[in-house]
Protein backbone atom coordinates (compact mmCIF):
# COMPACT_ATOMS: atom_id res chain seq x y z
CA UNK A 1 42.25 80.87 44.67
CA UNK A 2 45.09 81.84 46.99
CA UNK A 3 45.81 80.14 50.29
CA UNK A 4 44.80 83.29 52.17
CA UNK A 5 41.39 83.23 50.54
CA UNK A 6 40.97 79.47 50.96
CA UNK A 7 41.77 79.44 54.69
CA UNK A 8 38.67 81.40 55.81
CA UNK A 9 36.48 79.22 53.62
CA UNK A 10 37.97 76.10 55.18
CA UNK A 11 37.38 77.54 58.63
CA UNK A 12 33.74 78.24 57.82
CA UNK A 13 33.31 74.68 56.50
CA UNK A 14 34.84 73.20 59.65
CA UNK A 15 32.60 75.37 61.81
CA UNK A 16 29.55 74.19 59.89
CA UNK A 17 30.46 70.51 60.22
CA UNK A 18 31.58 70.52 63.85
CA UNK A 19 28.88 70.22 66.52
CA UNK A 20 27.81 73.40 68.25
CA UNK A 21 29.49 74.05 71.62
CA UNK A 22 26.21 73.78 73.48
CA UNK A 23 25.17 70.62 71.67
CA UNK A 24 27.81 68.32 73.15
CA UNK A 25 26.96 68.97 76.84
CA UNK A 26 23.29 68.51 75.93
CA UNK A 27 24.21 65.18 74.38
CA UNK A 28 25.58 64.07 77.75
CA UNK A 29 22.34 65.17 79.40
CA UNK A 30 20.39 63.18 76.82
CA UNK A 31 22.52 60.09 77.47
CA UNK A 32 21.97 60.34 81.21
CA UNK A 33 18.24 60.84 80.64
CA UNK A 34 18.10 57.61 78.62
CA UNK A 35 19.97 55.74 81.36
CA UNK A 36 17.55 57.12 83.96
CA UNK A 37 14.66 56.05 81.76
CA UNK A 38 16.17 52.57 81.47
CA UNK A 39 16.42 52.33 85.24
CA UNK A 40 12.77 53.37 85.53
CA UNK A 41 11.72 50.72 83.01
CA UNK A 42 13.70 47.94 84.69
CA UNK A 43 13.07 48.82 88.35
CA UNK A 44 9.49 50.07 88.48
CA UNK A 45 6.92 47.24 88.45
CA UNK A 46 4.56 46.82 85.50
CA UNK A 47 0.83 46.80 86.13
CA UNK A 48 0.32 45.02 82.81
CA UNK A 49 1.51 41.61 81.68
CA UNK A 50 4.39 42.65 79.42
CA UNK A 51 7.02 40.21 78.16
CA UNK A 52 9.55 42.61 76.64
CA UNK A 53 10.24 44.95 79.56
CA UNK A 54 13.74 43.60 80.10
CA UNK A 55 14.62 43.86 76.41
CA UNK A 56 13.17 47.36 76.22
CA UNK A 57 15.23 48.46 79.22
CA UNK A 58 18.39 46.97 77.70
CA UNK A 59 17.79 48.87 74.48
CA UNK A 60 17.38 52.09 76.47
CA UNK A 61 20.65 51.37 78.29
CA UNK A 62 22.43 50.82 74.96
CA UNK A 63 21.06 54.05 73.53
CA UNK A 64 22.14 56.03 76.60
CA UNK A 65 25.62 54.50 76.52
CA UNK A 66 26.01 55.31 72.82
CA UNK A 67 25.07 58.94 73.46
CA UNK A 68 27.62 59.21 76.25
CA UNK A 69 30.26 57.72 73.96
CA UNK A 70 29.35 60.22 71.27
CA UNK A 71 29.62 63.02 73.84
CA UNK A 72 33.05 61.85 74.95
CA UNK A 73 34.58 60.95 71.59
CA UNK A 74 32.50 63.03 69.21
CA UNK A 75 35.19 65.65 68.74
CA UNK A 76 37.77 63.02 67.76
CA UNK A 77 35.74 60.68 65.57
CA UNK A 78 34.20 61.82 62.30
CA UNK A 79 31.45 59.21 62.60
CA UNK A 80 30.21 60.75 65.86
CA UNK A 81 30.97 64.38 64.99
CA UNK A 82 27.39 65.20 64.02
CA UNK A 83 25.73 63.41 66.93
CA UNK A 84 25.54 66.63 68.95
CA UNK A 85 23.02 68.13 66.55
CA UNK A 86 20.59 65.34 67.49
CA UNK A 87 20.90 66.01 71.22
CA UNK A 88 17.68 68.07 71.60
CA UNK A 89 15.67 65.39 69.83
CA UNK A 90 17.30 62.58 71.83
CA UNK A 91 16.50 64.35 75.10
CA UNK A 92 12.92 65.03 74.00
CA UNK A 93 12.45 61.39 73.00
CA UNK A 94 13.71 60.20 76.39
CA UNK A 95 11.16 62.42 78.14
CA UNK A 96 8.40 61.34 75.75
CA UNK A 97 9.11 57.65 76.23
CA UNK A 98 9.23 58.10 80.01
CA UNK A 99 5.80 59.77 80.00
CA UNK A 100 4.44 57.09 77.68
CA UNK A 101 5.80 54.35 79.93
CA UNK A 102 4.39 56.03 83.03
CA UNK A 103 0.81 56.31 81.79
CA UNK A 104 0.66 52.82 80.24
CA UNK A 105 2.93 50.10 81.58
CA UNK A 106 3.51 51.51 85.05
CA UNK A 107 0.14 53.00 85.99
CA UNK A 108 -2.44 51.93 83.38
CA UNK A 109 -3.97 55.40 83.36
CA UNK A 110 -5.04 55.26 79.70
CA UNK A 111 -7.92 53.01 78.63
CA UNK A 112 -7.07 49.57 77.32
CA UNK A 113 -6.65 48.13 74.75
CA UNK A 114 -6.62 51.37 72.76
CA UNK A 115 -3.39 52.71 74.30
CA UNK A 116 -0.48 50.30 74.51
CA UNK A 117 2.87 50.39 76.26
CA UNK A 118 6.14 50.76 74.33
CA UNK A 119 7.01 47.16 75.25
CA UNK A 120 3.87 45.98 73.46
CA UNK A 121 5.08 47.54 70.20
CA UNK A 122 8.48 45.97 70.70
CA UNK A 123 6.82 42.60 71.26
CA UNK A 124 5.01 42.91 67.93
CA UNK A 125 8.27 43.57 66.10
CA UNK A 126 10.07 40.68 67.80
CA UNK A 127 7.26 38.12 67.55
CA UNK A 128 5.32 39.00 64.40
CA UNK A 129 8.14 40.27 62.19
CA UNK A 130 7.70 37.57 59.46
CA UNK A 131 4.11 38.67 58.81
CA UNK A 132 5.04 42.34 59.01
CA UNK A 133 7.89 41.92 56.52
CA UNK A 134 5.66 39.94 54.19
CA UNK A 135 3.01 42.66 54.38
CA UNK A 136 5.65 45.35 53.81
CA UNK A 137 6.97 43.55 50.73
CA UNK A 138 3.50 43.11 49.21
CA UNK A 139 2.59 46.75 49.89
CA UNK A 140 5.86 47.99 48.44
CA UNK A 141 5.52 45.85 45.33
CA UNK A 142 1.90 46.88 44.76
CA UNK A 143 2.72 50.55 45.30
CA UNK A 144 5.75 50.57 43.00
CA UNK A 145 3.89 48.67 40.30
CA UNK A 146 0.91 51.02 40.26
CA UNK A 147 3.05 54.13 40.73
CA UNK A 148 5.38 53.21 37.86
CA UNK A 149 2.48 52.57 35.47
CA UNK A 150 0.64 55.74 36.48
CA UNK A 151 3.77 57.92 36.35
CA UNK A 152 4.79 56.60 32.92
CA UNK A 153 1.33 57.02 31.39
CA UNK A 154 0.85 60.42 33.04
CA UNK A 155 4.22 61.61 31.77
CA UNK A 156 3.50 60.53 28.18
CA UNK A 157 0.03 62.08 28.30
CA UNK A 158 1.39 65.32 29.77
CA UNK A 159 4.05 65.64 27.07
CA UNK A 160 1.40 65.01 24.42
CA UNK A 161 -0.94 67.61 25.91
CA UNK A 162 1.79 70.22 26.11
CA UNK A 163 3.26 69.58 22.66
CA UNK A 164 0.48 68.48 20.34
CA UNK A 165 -2.67 70.47 19.69
CA UNK A 166 -4.40 67.35 18.41
CA UNK A 167 -3.68 65.39 21.60
CA UNK A 168 -4.73 68.38 23.67
CA UNK A 169 -8.00 68.72 21.74
CA UNK A 170 -9.06 65.10 22.34
CA UNK A 171 -7.45 64.31 25.71
CA UNK A 172 -8.00 67.56 27.59
CA UNK A 173 -11.81 67.18 28.03
CA UNK A 174 -11.40 63.57 29.16
CA UNK A 175 -8.71 64.57 31.64
CA UNK A 176 -10.88 67.34 33.05
CA UNK A 177 -13.78 64.93 33.46
CA UNK A 178 -11.97 61.91 34.91
CA UNK A 179 -8.91 63.39 36.62
CA UNK A 180 -10.49 65.40 39.47
CA UNK A 181 -12.50 62.40 40.67
CA UNK A 182 -10.85 60.68 43.66
CA UNK A 183 -9.37 57.35 42.71
CA UNK A 184 -11.29 55.75 45.58
CA UNK A 185 -14.57 56.63 43.80
CA UNK A 186 -13.64 54.05 41.18
CA UNK A 187 -13.33 51.22 43.72
CA UNK A 188 -16.69 49.49 42.95
CA UNK A 189 -16.12 49.64 39.19
CA UNK A 190 -12.47 48.61 39.41
CA UNK A 191 -13.14 45.49 41.47
CA UNK A 192 -15.95 44.56 39.06
CA UNK A 193 -14.06 45.13 35.79
CA UNK A 194 -10.63 43.74 36.65
CA UNK A 195 -10.23 39.97 37.07
CA UNK A 196 -8.22 40.07 40.31
CA UNK A 197 -8.07 42.35 43.32
CA UNK A 198 -4.34 42.90 42.70
CA UNK A 199 -4.93 44.24 39.19
CA UNK A 200 -7.80 46.43 40.42
CA UNK A 201 -5.60 47.85 43.18
CA UNK A 202 -2.81 48.49 40.67
CA UNK A 203 -5.27 50.39 38.46
CA UNK A 204 -6.46 52.56 41.36
CA UNK A 205 -2.91 53.48 42.39
CA UNK A 206 -1.96 54.21 38.77
CA UNK A 207 -5.03 56.41 38.38
CA UNK A 208 -4.22 58.38 41.53
CA UNK A 209 -0.63 58.85 40.35
CA UNK A 210 -1.25 59.61 36.69
CA UNK A 211 -3.47 62.69 37.04
CA UNK A 212 -1.04 65.01 38.90
CA UNK A 213 1.90 63.79 36.80
CA UNK A 214 0.00 64.48 33.56
CA UNK A 215 -1.17 67.95 34.65
CA UNK A 216 2.22 69.09 35.93
CA UNK A 217 4.09 67.65 32.94
CA UNK A 218 1.65 69.39 30.60
CA UNK A 219 2.20 72.65 32.48
CA UNK A 220 5.97 72.25 32.31
CA UNK A 221 6.08 71.53 28.57
CA UNK A 222 3.65 74.34 27.78
CA UNK A 223 5.66 76.87 29.80
CA UNK A 224 9.00 76.27 28.03
CA UNK A 225 10.23 79.51 26.50
CA UNK A 226 9.90 79.70 22.73
CA UNK A 227 13.43 81.10 22.52
CA UNK A 228 14.79 77.64 23.36
CA UNK A 229 13.00 76.14 20.38
CA UNK A 230 14.14 78.96 18.07
CA UNK A 231 17.79 78.42 19.01
CA UNK A 232 17.49 74.66 18.52
CA UNK A 233 15.78 75.08 15.14
CA UNK A 234 18.50 77.48 14.05
CA UNK A 235 21.03 74.72 14.77
CA UNK A 236 19.02 72.27 12.64
CA UNK A 237 17.01 70.42 15.31
CA UNK A 238 14.01 68.37 14.24
CA UNK A 239 10.71 67.72 16.00
CA UNK A 240 11.90 64.74 18.05
CA UNK A 241 15.02 66.60 19.15
CA UNK A 242 12.88 69.53 20.28
CA UNK A 243 10.69 67.21 22.35
CA UNK A 244 13.38 65.01 23.92
CA UNK A 245 16.26 67.44 24.26
CA UNK A 246 14.52 70.77 24.81
CA UNK A 247 10.93 70.44 26.05
CA UNK A 248 11.29 67.50 28.43
CA UNK A 249 14.54 68.64 30.17
CA UNK A 250 13.09 72.15 30.64
CA UNK A 251 9.86 70.68 32.06
CA UNK A 252 11.57 68.33 34.56
CA UNK A 253 11.06 70.62 37.62
CA UNK A 254 7.31 70.53 36.98
CA UNK A 255 7.44 66.78 36.32
CA UNK A 256 9.00 66.08 39.70
CA UNK A 257 6.36 68.18 41.46
CA UNK A 258 3.78 65.97 39.80
CA UNK A 259 5.69 62.84 40.82
CA UNK A 260 5.72 63.99 44.45
CA UNK A 261 2.00 64.75 44.38
CA UNK A 262 1.27 61.42 42.71
CA UNK A 263 3.31 59.53 45.27
CA UNK A 264 1.39 61.15 48.12
CA UNK A 265 -1.94 60.31 46.49
CA UNK A 266 -0.85 56.72 45.89
CA UNK A 267 -0.21 56.18 49.62
CA UNK A 268 -3.85 56.89 50.49
CA UNK A 269 -5.16 54.69 47.70
CA UNK A 270 -2.79 51.89 48.70
CA UNK A 271 -4.27 51.58 52.18
CA UNK A 272 -7.86 51.63 50.92
CA UNK A 273 -7.17 49.14 48.13
CA UNK A 274 -5.47 46.69 50.47
CA UNK A 275 -8.26 46.95 53.00
CA UNK A 276 -10.88 46.06 50.40
CA UNK A 277 -9.50 43.25 48.31
CA UNK A 278 -5.85 42.34 48.76
CA UNK A 279 -5.00 39.36 50.98
CA UNK A 280 -1.62 40.65 52.10
CA UNK A 281 -0.08 44.05 52.72
CA UNK A 282 0.11 46.69 55.42
CA UNK A 283 -3.44 47.89 54.73
CA UNK A 284 -4.70 44.34 55.08
CA UNK A 285 -2.62 43.96 58.25
CA UNK A 286 -4.19 47.10 59.71
CA UNK A 287 -7.68 45.79 59.05
CA UNK A 288 -6.83 42.40 60.49
CA UNK A 289 -5.34 43.96 63.66
CA UNK A 290 -8.35 46.22 64.11
CA UNK A 291 -10.73 43.28 63.72
CA UNK A 292 -8.98 41.41 66.52
CA UNK A 293 -8.57 44.57 68.68
CA UNK A 294 -4.80 44.04 68.45
CA UNK A 295 -3.99 47.73 68.70
CA UNK A 296 -0.29 47.13 69.33
CA UNK A 297 -0.08 45.36 65.96
CA UNK A 298 -2.01 48.21 64.35
CA UNK A 299 0.36 50.87 65.71
CA UNK A 300 3.37 48.79 64.71
CA UNK A 301 2.06 48.54 61.13
CA UNK A 302 1.37 52.29 61.06
CA UNK A 303 4.95 53.05 62.11
CA UNK A 304 6.26 50.66 59.47
CA UNK A 305 4.07 52.27 56.82
CA UNK A 306 5.23 55.74 57.84
CA UNK A 307 8.84 54.62 57.46
CA UNK A 308 8.13 53.15 54.03
CA UNK A 309 6.38 56.28 52.76
CA UNK A 310 9.03 58.61 54.15
CA UNK A 311 11.79 56.48 52.67
CA UNK A 312 10.22 56.50 49.20
CA UNK A 313 9.79 60.28 49.26
CA UNK A 314 13.41 60.67 50.39
CA UNK A 315 14.56 58.41 47.54
CA UNK A 316 12.58 60.46 45.03
CA UNK A 317 14.18 63.63 46.39
CA UNK A 318 17.63 62.09 45.93
CA UNK A 319 16.80 61.33 42.30
CA UNK A 320 15.49 64.85 41.80
CA UNK A 321 18.59 66.46 43.32
CA UNK A 322 20.79 64.35 41.06
CA UNK A 323 18.91 65.10 37.84
CA UNK A 324 18.23 68.74 38.70
CA UNK A 325 21.57 69.62 40.25
CA UNK A 326 21.09 73.33 39.48
CA UNK A 327 17.98 73.33 41.68
CA UNK A 328 19.43 71.31 44.55
CA UNK A 329 18.28 72.69 47.88
CA UNK A 330 15.37 74.70 46.47
CA UNK A 331 12.86 72.06 47.62
CA UNK A 332 13.41 70.60 51.10
CA UNK A 333 12.38 67.30 52.66
């Protein structure tokens, strides 16, 4: 490529990376909005007994100052160059938090204890973080354990269904009978059959994960073009080579769809399983907080669970984009 052809491409890349002209002034507006919100938090009196108002106001001041720094130095520092694209969201969040603060901490318009102030959530994170982290770890370990078992078994079953007529003959009716049932319908039987609540919860998560992985893997293997197999056989490939080097790689897009569906199903089963039998975890924490009418703790656990689920889906997307580089960008998250 000549320099004349490369220069326009470089200009387009720089234009794509640099913040939009209108975004940087809006970033200054967002920073000022956060500082105004901080002043409102610190100066206006609370009608509730809140212990983290000062800390919450200081955090708002820090966020506003960081946005103003990004507005001032964003064009010179690569680290802050993309901050302008977040300006609409930052401004919207400042307005949202101000409205939330106004109807809870400052006026008590919403009924208590069902609606809590932002400071109450912050107090949960600062005071009860050991229990929250312990619950997060137990939930994450239970989820990964059940998801890994279900995904592995579902993948093996799906490959067998798509490749072998014998496996399809025997396993297909069982899959059609058991698979569509919600995993939560097996809760009474699972907690009776398995010796511990942890093993029963692992089974339920694996069951919820395995069905979509098996069906989508089966569909992917069965839809591989016969021309691929003919070319491989012409080059001397055997049965195992056809399975591992032709069928499975060609079916990977379907497999990842099944993995995404299984991960979503496992989240719902995780909460129910932890509410019923597990003695630690975010589901157990939610039930405990609801029993004590500690709604701030409940909302804090929900936010933590949302972050965990979103992070796991993002990680799975990163793995997919790396293994299926030719399809990168076709599925968005």
